[in-house]
Structures are given as structure tokens and as C-alpha cells.
PDB file of all heavy atoms in Angstrom:
ATOM      1  N   ARG A   1      92.696 115.795  25.384  1.00  0.00           N
ATOM      2  CA  ARG A   1      93.966 115.875  24.656  1.00  0.00           C
ATOM      3  C   ARG A   1      94.712 117.141  25.047  1.00  0.00           C
ATOM      4  O   ARG A   1      94.126 118.220  25.169  1.00  0.00           O
ATOM      5  CB  ARG A   1      93.701 115.850  23.148  1.00  0.00           C
ATOM      6  CG  ARG A   1      94.969 115.811  22.310  1.00  0.00           C
ATOM      7  CD  ARG A   1      94.661 115.450  20.873  1.00  0.00           C
ATOM      8  NE  ARG A   1      93.757 116.409  20.243  1.00  0.00           N
ATOM      9  CZ  ARG A   1      93.206 116.219  19.046  1.00  0.00           C
ATOM     10  NH1 ARG A   1      93.452 115.091  18.384  1.00  0.00           N
ATOM     11  NH2 ARG A   1      92.406 117.121  18.530  1.00  0.00           N
ATOM     12  N   LEU A   2      96.030 116.980  25.238  1.00  0.00           N
ATOM     13  CA  LEU A   2      96.873 118.105  25.642  1.00  0.00           C
ATOM     14  C   LEU A   2      97.681 118.565  24.435  1.00  0.00           C
ATOM     15  O   LEU A   2      98.544 117.831  23.931  1.00  0.00           O
ATOM     16  CB  LEU A   2      97.818 117.694  26.773  1.00  0.00           C
ATOM     17  CG  LEU A   2      97.152 117.130  28.043  1.00  0.00           C
ATOM     18  CD1 LEU A   2      98.203 116.788  29.075  1.00  0.00           C
ATOM     19  CD2 LEU A   2      96.134 118.120  28.605  1.00  0.00           C
ATOM     20  N   ALA A   3      97.387 119.749  23.951  1.00  0.00           N
ATOM     21  CA  ALA A   3      98.106 120.317  22.810  1.00  0.00           C
ATOM     22  C   ALA A   3      99.273 121.149  23.320  1.00  0.00           C
ATOM     23  O   ALA A   3      99.104 122.043  24.154  1.00  0.00           O
ATOM     24  CB  ALA A   3      97.161 121.180  21.971  1.00  0.00           C
ATOM     25  N   GLY A   4     100.477 120.844  22.836  1.00  0.00           N
ATOM     26  CA  GLY A   4     101.655 121.600  23.240  1.00  0.00           C
ATOM     27  C   GLY A   4     102.267 121.136  24.541  1.00  0.00           C
ATOM     28  O   GLY A   4     103.147 121.817  25.082  1.00  0.00           O
ATOM     29  N   TRP A   5     101.845 119.961  25.034  1.00  0.00           N
ATOM     30  CA  TRP A   5     102.387 119.478  26.324  1.00  0.00           C
ATOM     31  C   TRP A   5     103.816 118.988  26.154  1.00  0.00           C
ATOM     32  O   TRP A   5     104.164 118.330  25.177  1.00  0.00           O
ATOM     33  CB  TRP A   5     101.508 118.346  26.850  1.00  0.00           C
ATOM     34  CG  TRP A   5     101.940 117.826  28.204  1.00  0.00           C
ATOM     35  CD1 TRP A   5     101.507 118.251  29.414  1.00  0.00           C
ATOM     36  CD2 TRP A   5     102.873 116.771  28.456  1.00  0.00           C
ATOM     37  NE1 TRP A   5     102.106 117.546  30.417  1.00  0.00           N
ATOM     38  CE2 TRP A   5     102.963 116.620  29.859  1.00  0.00           C
ATOM     39  CE3 TRP A   5     103.648 115.953  27.648  1.00  0.00           C
ATOM     40  CZ2 TRP A   5     103.785 115.680  30.468  1.00  0.00           C
ATOM     41  CZ3 TRP A   5     104.483 115.016  28.240  1.00  0.00           C
ATOM     42  CH2 TRP A   5     104.552 114.879  29.635  1.00  0.00           C
ATOM     43  N   GLU A   6     104.666 119.338  27.102  1.00  0.00           N
ATOM     44  CA  GLU A   6     106.032 118.834  27.184  1.00  0.00           C
ATOM     45  C   GLU A   6     106.311 118.437  28.631  1.00  0.00           C
ATOM     46  O   GLU A   6     105.697 118.983  29.549  1.00  0.00           O
ATOM     47  CB  GLU A   6     107.046 119.912  26.751  1.00  0.00           C
ATOM     48  CG  GLU A   6     106.946 120.336  25.297  1.00  0.00           C
ATOM     49  CD  GLU A   6     107.402 119.246  24.349  1.00  0.00           C
ATOM     50  OE1 GLU A   6     108.107 118.325  24.810  1.00  0.00           O
ATOM     51  OE2 GLU A   6     107.049 119.319  23.154  1.00  0.00           O
ATOM     52  N   PRO A   7     107.201 117.473  28.857  1.00  0.00           N
ATOM     53  CA  PRO A   7     107.523 117.083  30.240  1.00  0.00           C
ATOM     54  C   PRO A   7     107.969 118.289  31.063  1.00  0.00           C
ATOM     55  O   PRO A   7     108.827 119.069  30.641  1.00  0.00           O
ATOM     56  CB  PRO A   7     108.676 116.079  30.058  1.00  0.00           C
ATOM     57  CG  PRO A   7     108.483 115.534  28.679  1.00  0.00           C
ATOM     58  CD  PRO A   7     107.947 116.671  27.876  1.00  0.00           C
ATOM     59  N   GLY A   8     107.349 118.456  32.226  1.00  0.00           N
ATOM     60  CA  GLY A   8     107.704 119.548  33.117  1.00  0.00           C
ATOM     61  C   GLY A   8     107.115 120.887  32.743  1.00  0.00           C
ATOM     62  O   GLY A   8     107.432 121.905  33.374  1.00  0.00           O
ATOM     63  N   ALA A   9     106.258 120.909  31.698  1.00  0.00           N
ATOM     64  CA  ALA A   9     105.690 122.183  31.246  1.00  0.00           C
ATOM     65  C   ALA A   9     104.700 122.724  32.266  1.00  0.00           C
ATOM     66  O   ALA A   9     103.976 121.963  32.924  1.00  0.00           O
ATOM     67  CB  ALA A   9     105.011 121.996  29.894  1.00  0.00           C
ATOM     68  N   ALA A  10     104.665 124.019  32.415  1.00  0.00           N
ATOM     69  CA  ALA A  10     103.704 124.667  33.300  1.00  0.00           C
ATOM     70  C   ALA A  10     102.310 124.551  32.706  1.00  0.00           C
ATOM     71  O   ALA A  10     102.150 124.454  31.477  1.00  0.00           O
ATOM     72  CB  ALA A  10     104.076 126.138  33.488  1.00  0.00           C
ATOM     73  N   PRO A  11     101.257 124.567  33.558  1.00  0.00           N
ATOM     74  CA  PRO A  11      99.885 124.405  33.061  1.00  0.00           C
ATOM     75  C   PRO A  11      99.501 125.410  31.981  1.00  0.00           C
ATOM     76  O   PRO A  11      98.691 125.105  31.106  1.00  0.00           O
ATOM     77  CB  PRO A  11      99.030 124.578  34.321  1.00  0.00           C
ATOM     78  CG  PRO A  11      99.945 124.175  35.438  1.00  0.00           C
ATOM     79  CD  PRO A  11     101.310 124.631  35.023  1.00  0.00           C
ATOM     80  N   ASP A  12     100.078 126.615  32.020  1.00  0.00           N
ATOM     81  CA  ASP A  12      99.694 127.613  31.013  1.00  0.00           C
ATOM     82  C   ASP A  12     100.478 127.466  29.707  1.00  0.00           C
ATOM     83  O   ASP A  12     100.299 128.244  28.773  1.00  0.00           O
ATOM     84  CB  ASP A  12      99.883 129.023  31.578  1.00  0.00           C
ATOM     85  CG  ASP A  12     101.323 129.267  32.038  1.00  0.00           C
ATOM     86  OD1 ASP A  12     102.135 128.319  31.984  1.00  0.00           O
ATOM     87  OD2 ASP A  12     101.623 130.406  32.462  1.00  0.00           O
ATOM     88  N   ALA A  13     101.342 126.444  29.658  1.00  0.00           N
ATOM     89  CA  ALA A  13     102.146 126.250  28.449  1.00  0.00           C
ATOM     90  C   ALA A  13     101.477 125.322  27.449  1.00  0.00           C
ATOM     91  O   ALA A  13     101.963 125.161  26.335  1.00  0.00           O
ATOM     92  CB  ALA A  13     103.528 125.708  28.818  1.00  0.00           C
ATOM     93  N   TYR A  14     100.389 124.686  27.825  1.00  0.00           N
ATOM     94  CA  TYR A  14      99.690 123.794  26.899  1.00  0.00           C
ATOM     95  C   TYR A  14      98.188 123.985  27.054  1.00  0.00           C
ATOM     96  O   TYR A  14      97.714 124.602  28.009  1.00  0.00           O
ATOM     97  CB  TYR A  14     100.069 122.329  27.138  1.00  0.00           C
ATOM     98  CG  TYR A  14      99.853 121.840  28.554  1.00  0.00           C
ATOM     99  CD1 TYR A  14      98.625 121.333  28.971  1.00  0.00           C
ATOM    100  CD2 TYR A  14     100.894 121.877  29.478  1.00  0.00           C
ATOM    101  CE1 TYR A  14      98.432 120.889  30.259  1.00  0.00           C
ATOM    102  CE2 TYR A  14     100.712 121.433  30.784  1.00  0.00           C
ATOM    103  CZ  TYR A  14      99.484 120.933  31.168  1.00  0.00           C
ATOM    104  OH  TYR A  14      99.287 120.489  32.454  1.00  0.00           O
ATOM    105  N   VAL A  15      97.447 123.453  26.090  1.00  0.00           N
ATOM    106  CA  VAL A  15      95.992 123.629  26.054  1.00  0.00           C
ATOM    107  C   VAL A  15      95.334 122.266  26.174  1.00  0.00           C
ATOM    108  O   VAL A  15      95.719 121.311  25.476  1.00  0.00           O
ATOM    109  CB  VAL A  15      95.551 124.311  24.747  1.00  0.00           C
ATOM    110  CG1 VAL A  15      94.029 124.424  24.692  1.00  0.00           C
ATOM    111  CG2 VAL A  15      96.207 125.680  24.618  1.00  0.00           C
ATOM    112  N   GLU A  16      94.323 122.144  27.045  1.00  0.00           N
ATOM    113  CA  GLU A  16      93.551 120.913  27.171  1.00  0.00           C
ATOM    114  C   GLU A  16      92.274 121.057  26.355  1.00  0.00           C
ATOM    115  O   GLU A  16      91.522 122.026  26.520  1.00  0.00           O
ATOM    116  CB  GLU A  16      93.210 120.639  28.633  1.00  0.00           C
ATOM    117  CG  GLU A  16      92.397 119.368  28.833  1.00  0.00           C
ATOM    118  CD  GLU A  16      92.074 119.094  30.293  1.00  0.00           C
ATOM    119  OE1 GLU A  16      92.986 119.192  31.133  1.00  0.00           O
ATOM    120  OE2 GLU A  16      90.887 118.784  30.593  1.00  0.00           O
ATOM    121  N   GLU A  17      92.036 120.094  25.461  1.00  0.00           N
ATOM    122  CA  GLU A  17      90.857 120.141  24.616  1.00  0.00           C
ATOM    123  C   GLU A  17      90.134 118.802  24.653  1.00  0.00           C
ATOM    124  O   GLU A  17      90.768 117.749  24.748  1.00  0.00           O
ATOM    125  CB  GLU A  17      91.247 120.488  23.177  1.00  0.00           C
ATOM    126  CG  GLU A  17      92.330 119.590  22.597  1.00  0.00           C
ATOM    127  CD  GLU A  17      92.816 120.044  21.245  1.00  0.00           C
ATOM    128  OE1 GLU A  17      92.375 121.115  20.791  1.00  0.00           O
ATOM    129  OE2 GLU A  17      93.629 119.323  20.637  1.00  0.00           O
ATOM    130  N   SER A  18      88.802 118.829  24.590  1.00  0.00           N
ATOM    131  CA  SER A  18      87.991 117.611  24.620  1.00  0.00           C
ATOM    132  C   SER A  18      87.731 117.140  23.194  1.00  0.00           C
ATOM    133  O   SER A  18      87.234 117.912  22.361  1.00  0.00           O
ATOM    134  CB  SER A  18      86.657 117.867  25.327  1.00  0.00           C
ATOM    135  OG  SER A  18      86.876 118.164  26.693  1.00  0.00           O
ATOM    136  N   VAL A  19      88.070 115.875  22.922  1.00  0.00           N
ATOM    137  CA  VAL A  19      87.839 115.280  21.599  1.00  0.00           C
ATOM    138  C   VAL A  19      87.290 113.874  21.800  1.00  0.00           C
ATOM    139  O   VAL A  19      87.457 113.269  22.869  1.00  0.00           O
ATOM    140  CB  VAL A  19      89.134 115.220  20.759  1.00  0.00           C
ATOM    141  CG1 VAL A  19      89.681 116.605  20.498  1.00  0.00           C
ATOM    142  CG2 VAL A  19      90.178 114.341  21.434  1.00  0.00           C
ATOM    143  N   ALA A  20      86.620 113.356  20.789  1.00  0.00           N
ATOM    144  CA  ALA A  20      86.145 111.973  20.844  1.00  0.00           C
ATOM    145  C   ALA A  20      87.348 111.039  20.783  1.00  0.00           C
ATOM    146  O   ALA A  20      88.336 111.309  20.098  1.00  0.00           O
ATOM    147  CB  ALA A  20      85.201 111.697  19.679  1.00  0.00           C
ATOM    148  N   ALA A  21      87.250 109.942  21.515  1.00  0.00           N
ATOM    149  CA  ALA A  21      88.362 108.997  21.561  1.00  0.00           C
ATOM    150  C   ALA A  21      88.713 108.487  20.171  1.00  0.00           C
ATOM    151  O   ALA A  21      89.877 108.211  19.875  1.00  0.00           O
ATOM    152  CB  ALA A  21      88.012 107.828  22.478  1.00  0.00           C
ATOM    153  N   GLY A  22      87.717 108.361  19.292  1.00  0.00           N
ATOM    154  CA  GLY A  22      87.965 107.868  17.951  1.00  0.00           C
ATOM    155  C   GLY A  22      88.791 108.804  17.091  1.00  0.00           C
ATOM    156  O   GLY A  22      89.272 108.419  16.024  1.00  0.00           O
ATOM    157  N   GLU A  23      88.951 110.070  17.529  1.00  0.00           N
ATOM    158  CA  GLU A  23      89.728 111.041  16.758  1.00  0.00           C
ATOM    159  C   GLU A  23      91.204 111.037  17.135  1.00  0.00           C
ATOM    160  O   GLU A  23      92.007 111.723  16.505  1.00  0.00           O
ATOM    161  CB  GLU A  23      89.156 112.452  16.967  1.00  0.00           C
ATOM    162  CG  GLU A  23      87.728 112.621  16.474  1.00  0.00           C
ATOM    163  CD  GLU A  23      87.205 114.019  16.731  1.00  0.00           C
ATOM    164  OE1 GLU A  23      88.025 114.904  17.066  1.00  0.00           O
ATOM    165  OE2 GLU A  23      85.986 114.233  16.606  1.00  0.00           O
ATOM    166  N   LEU A  24      91.562 110.292  18.174  1.00  0.00           N
ATOM    167  CA  LEU A  24      92.956 110.285  18.616  1.00  0.00           C
ATOM    168  C   LEU A  24      93.846 109.603  17.590  1.00  0.00           C
ATOM    169  O   LEU A  24      93.453 108.627  16.948  1.00  0.00           O
ATOM    170  CB  LEU A  24      93.077 109.565  19.962  1.00  0.00           C
ATOM    171  CG  LEU A  24      92.414 110.250  21.165  1.00  0.00           C
ATOM    172  CD1 LEU A  24      92.526 109.364  22.392  1.00  0.00           C
ATOM    173  CD2 LEU A  24      93.050 111.617  21.418  1.00  0.00           C
ATOM    174  N   ARG A  25      95.059 110.117  17.459  1.00  0.00           N
ATOM    175  CA  ARG A  25      96.053 109.557  16.552  1.00  0.00           C
ATOM    176  C   ARG A  25      97.295 109.171  17.345  1.00  0.00           C
ATOM    177  O   ARG A  25      97.511 109.641  18.458  1.00  0.00           O
ATOM    178  CB  ARG A  25      96.432 110.573  15.466  1.00  0.00           C
ATOM    179  CG  ARG A  25      95.294 110.953  14.539  1.00  0.00           C
ATOM    180  CD  ARG A  25      94.867 109.779  13.668  1.00  0.00           C
ATOM    181  NE  ARG A  25      93.861 110.144  12.678  1.00  0.00           N
ATOM    182  CZ  ARG A  25      92.567 110.110  12.879  1.00  0.00           C
ATOM    183  NH1 ARG A  25      92.091 109.752  14.074  1.00  0.00           N
ATOM    184  NH2 ARG A  25      91.719 110.423  11.918  1.00  0.00           N
ATOM    185  N   ARG A  26      98.099 108.304  16.740  1.00  0.00           N
ATOM    186  CA  ARG A  26      99.342 107.897  17.380  1.00  0.00           C
ATOM    187  C   ARG A  26     100.200 109.134  17.697  1.00  0.00           C
ATOM    188  O   ARG A  26     100.401 109.996  16.843  1.00  0.00           O
ATOM    189  CB  ARG A  26     100.115 106.955  16.462  1.00  0.00           C
ATOM    190  CG  ARG A  26     101.300 106.267  17.130  1.00  0.00           C
ATOM    191  CD  ARG A  26     102.163 105.556  16.098  1.00  0.00           C
ATOM    192  NE  ARG A  26     101.391 104.674  15.237  1.00  0.00           N
ATOM    193  CZ  ARG A  26     101.123 103.403  15.501  1.00  0.00           C
ATOM    194  NH1 ARG A  26     101.581 102.871  16.621  1.00  0.00           N
ATOM    195  NH2 ARG A  26     100.417 102.668  14.658  1.00  0.00           N
ATOM    196  N   GLY A  27     100.683 109.200  18.921  1.00  0.00           N
ATOM    197  CA  GLY A  27     101.525 110.312  19.343  1.00  0.00           C
ATOM    198  C   GLY A  27     100.789 111.382  20.113  1.00  0.00           C
ATOM    199  O   GLY A  27     101.422 112.241  20.741  1.00  0.00           O
ATOM    200  N   ASP A  28      99.440 111.382  20.088  1.00  0.00           N
ATOM    201  CA  ASP A  28      98.679 112.359  20.868  1.00  0.00           C
ATOM    202  C   ASP A  28      98.910 112.146  22.366  1.00  0.00           C
ATOM    203  O   ASP A  28      99.100 111.013  22.825  1.00  0.00           O
ATOM    204  CB  ASP A  28      97.182 112.242  20.566  1.00  0.00           C
ATOM    205  CG  ASP A  28      96.811 112.844  19.216  1.00  0.00           C
ATOM    206  OD1 ASP A  28      97.664 113.517  18.629  1.00  0.00           O
ATOM    207  OD2 ASP A  28      95.677 112.616  18.752  1.00  0.00           O
ATOM    208  N   ILE A  29      98.887 113.248  23.112  1.00  0.00           N
ATOM    209  CA  ILE A  29      99.057 113.203  24.569  1.00  0.00           C
ATOM    210  C   ILE A  29      97.701 113.479  25.210  1.00  0.00           C
ATOM    211  O   ILE A  29      97.034 114.459  24.872  1.00  0.00           O
ATOM    212  CB  ILE A  29     100.082 114.243  25.056  1.00  0.00           C
ATOM    213  CG1 ILE A  29     101.401 114.103  24.286  1.00  0.00           C
ATOM    214  CG2 ILE A  29     100.307 114.092  26.553  1.00  0.00           C
ATOM    215  CD1 ILE A  29     102.103 112.794  24.488  1.00  0.00           C
ATOM    216  N   VAL A  30      97.275 112.613  26.135  1.00  0.00           N
ATOM    217  CA  VAL A  30      96.006 112.806  26.836  1.00  0.00           C
ATOM    218  C   VAL A  30      96.245 112.709  28.337  1.00  0.00           C
ATOM    219  O   VAL A  30      97.179 112.032  28.789  1.00  0.00           O
ATOM    220  CB  VAL A  30      94.942 111.765  26.409  1.00  0.00           C
ATOM    221  CG1 VAL A  30      94.601 111.909  24.945  1.00  0.00           C
ATOM    222  CG2 VAL A  30      95.417 110.349  26.700  1.00  0.00           C
ATOM    223  N   VAL A  31      95.418 113.390  29.091  1.00  0.00           N
ATOM    224  CA  VAL A  31      95.458 113.290  30.544  1.00  0.00           C
ATOM    225  C   VAL A  31      94.194 112.561  30.997  1.00  0.00           C
ATOM    226  O   VAL A  31      93.105 112.804  30.480  1.00  0.00           O
ATOM    227  CB  VAL A  31      95.559 114.685  31.199  1.00  0.00           C
ATOM    228  CG1 VAL A  31      94.362 115.554  30.840  1.00  0.00           C
ATOM    229  CG2 VAL A  31      95.676 114.551  32.726  1.00  0.00           C
ATOM    230  N   VAL A  32      94.360 111.626  31.944  1.00  0.00           N
ATOM    231  CA  VAL A  32      93.226 110.837  32.436  1.00  0.00           C
ATOM    232  C   VAL A  32      93.190 110.944  33.957  1.00  0.00           C
ATOM    233  O   VAL A  32      94.015 110.331  34.644  1.00  0.00           O
ATOM    234  CB  VAL A  32      93.341 109.359  32.022  1.00  0.00           C
ATOM    235  CG1 VAL A  32      92.042 108.625  32.345  1.00  0.00           C
ATOM    236  CG2 VAL A  32      93.677 109.220  30.546  1.00  0.00           C
ATOM    237  N   PRO A  33      92.270 111.725  34.513  1.00  0.00           N
ATOM    238  CA  PRO A  33      92.163 111.821  35.975  1.00  0.00           C
ATOM    239  C   PRO A  33      91.429 110.622  36.558  1.00  0.00           C
ATOM    240  O   PRO A  33      90.878 109.785  35.828  1.00  0.00           O
ATOM    241  CB  PRO A  33      91.361 113.106  36.168  1.00  0.00           C
ATOM    242  CG  PRO A  33      90.550 113.235  34.924  1.00  0.00           C
ATOM    243  CD  PRO A  33      91.358 112.633  33.818  1.00  0.00           C
ATOM    244  N   ALA A  34      91.415 110.525  37.866  1.00  0.00           N
ATOM    245  CA  ALA A  34      90.750 109.421  38.553  1.00  0.00           C
ATOM    246  C   ALA A  34      89.275 109.382  38.196  1.00  0.00           C
ATOM    247  O   ALA A  34      88.611 110.422  38.087  1.00  0.00           O
ATOM    248  CB  ALA A  34      90.922 109.568  40.061  1.00  0.00           C
ATOM    249  N   GLY A  35      88.761 108.170  37.995  1.00  0.00           N
ATOM    250  CA  GLY A  35      87.354 107.970  37.700  1.00  0.00           C
ATOM    251  C   GLY A  35      87.019 107.941  36.228  1.00  0.00           C
ATOM    252  O   GLY A  35      85.896 107.590  35.863  1.00  0.00           O
ATOM    253  N   GLU A  36      87.959 108.281  35.349  1.00  0.00           N
ATOM    254  CA  GLU A  36      87.674 108.317  33.923  1.00  0.00           C
ATOM    255  C   GLU A  36      88.300 107.127  33.200  1.00  0.00           C
ATOM    256  O   GLU A  36      89.257 106.519  33.675  1.00  0.00           O
ATOM    257  CB  GLU A  36      88.176 109.628  33.312  1.00  0.00           C
ATOM    258  CG  GLU A  36      87.413 110.852  33.803  1.00  0.00           C
ATOM    259  CD  GLU A  36      87.728 112.086  32.980  1.00  0.00           C
ATOM    260  OE1 GLU A  36      88.442 111.960  31.959  1.00  0.00           O
ATOM    261  OE2 GLU A  36      87.256 113.179  33.356  1.00  0.00           O
ATOM    262  N   LEU A  37      87.735 106.821  32.020  1.00  0.00           N
ATOM    263  CA  LEU A  37      88.248 105.731  31.199  1.00  0.00           C
ATOM    264  C   LEU A  37      89.438 106.202  30.374  1.00  0.00           C
ATOM    265  O   LEU A  37      89.439 107.334  29.875  1.00  0.00           O
ATOM    266  CB  LEU A  37      87.162 105.210  30.254  1.00  0.00           C
ATOM    267  CG  LEU A  37      85.982 104.468  30.884  1.00  0.00           C
ATOM    268  CD1 LEU A  37      84.933 104.174  29.819  1.00  0.00           C
ATOM    269  CD2 LEU A  37      86.436 103.177  31.535  1.00  0.00           C
ATOM    270  N   ILE A  38      90.416 105.348  30.231  1.00  0.00           N
ATOM    271  CA  ILE A  38      91.548 105.640  29.358  1.00  0.00           C
ATOM    272  C   ILE A  38      91.046 105.535  27.919  1.00  0.00           C
ATOM    273  O   ILE A  38      90.500 104.500  27.518  1.00  0.00           O
ATOM    274  CB  ILE A  38      92.695 104.657  29.630  1.00  0.00           C
ATOM    275  CG1 ILE A  38      93.214 104.853  31.056  1.00  0.00           C
ATOM    276  CG2 ILE A  38      93.823 104.841  28.615  1.00  0.00           C
ATOM    277  CD1 ILE A  38      94.237 103.832  31.498  1.00  0.00           C
ATOM    278  N   PRO A  39      91.178 106.582  27.110  1.00  0.00           N
ATOM    279  CA  PRO A  39      90.515 106.612  25.792  1.00  0.00           C
ATOM    280  C   PRO A  39      91.172 105.763  24.715  1.00  0.00           C
ATOM    281  O   PRO A  39      90.557 105.496  23.688  1.00  0.00           O
ATOM    282  CB  PRO A  39      90.569 108.092  25.414  1.00  0.00           C
ATOM    283  CG  PRO A  39      91.777 108.613  26.134  1.00  0.00           C
ATOM    284  CD  PRO A  39      91.858 107.848  27.413  1.00  0.00           C
TER     285      PRO A  39
END
């Protein structure tokens, strides 16, 4: 999950945190790299 992410934001402008998929709520932003499941 990306906290504070905005379109075009620099990498240091937001925080990436690991959470269980079941904790996600509508509106959360997540990043999914190659090889991983979409949560």
C-alpha cells in the first residue's frame, strides 16, 4: 500500500507499507510489480 501517493509524485513523497490484502479498503492505492498477485 502506498500512503500519500499522488500522480507524478516523487518516490520520497509517499511511503510504501506491507499490509494483508484483507485490510485494504476502497480508495487505497497499491503497487503491484511483475510476478506478484493483485491483492
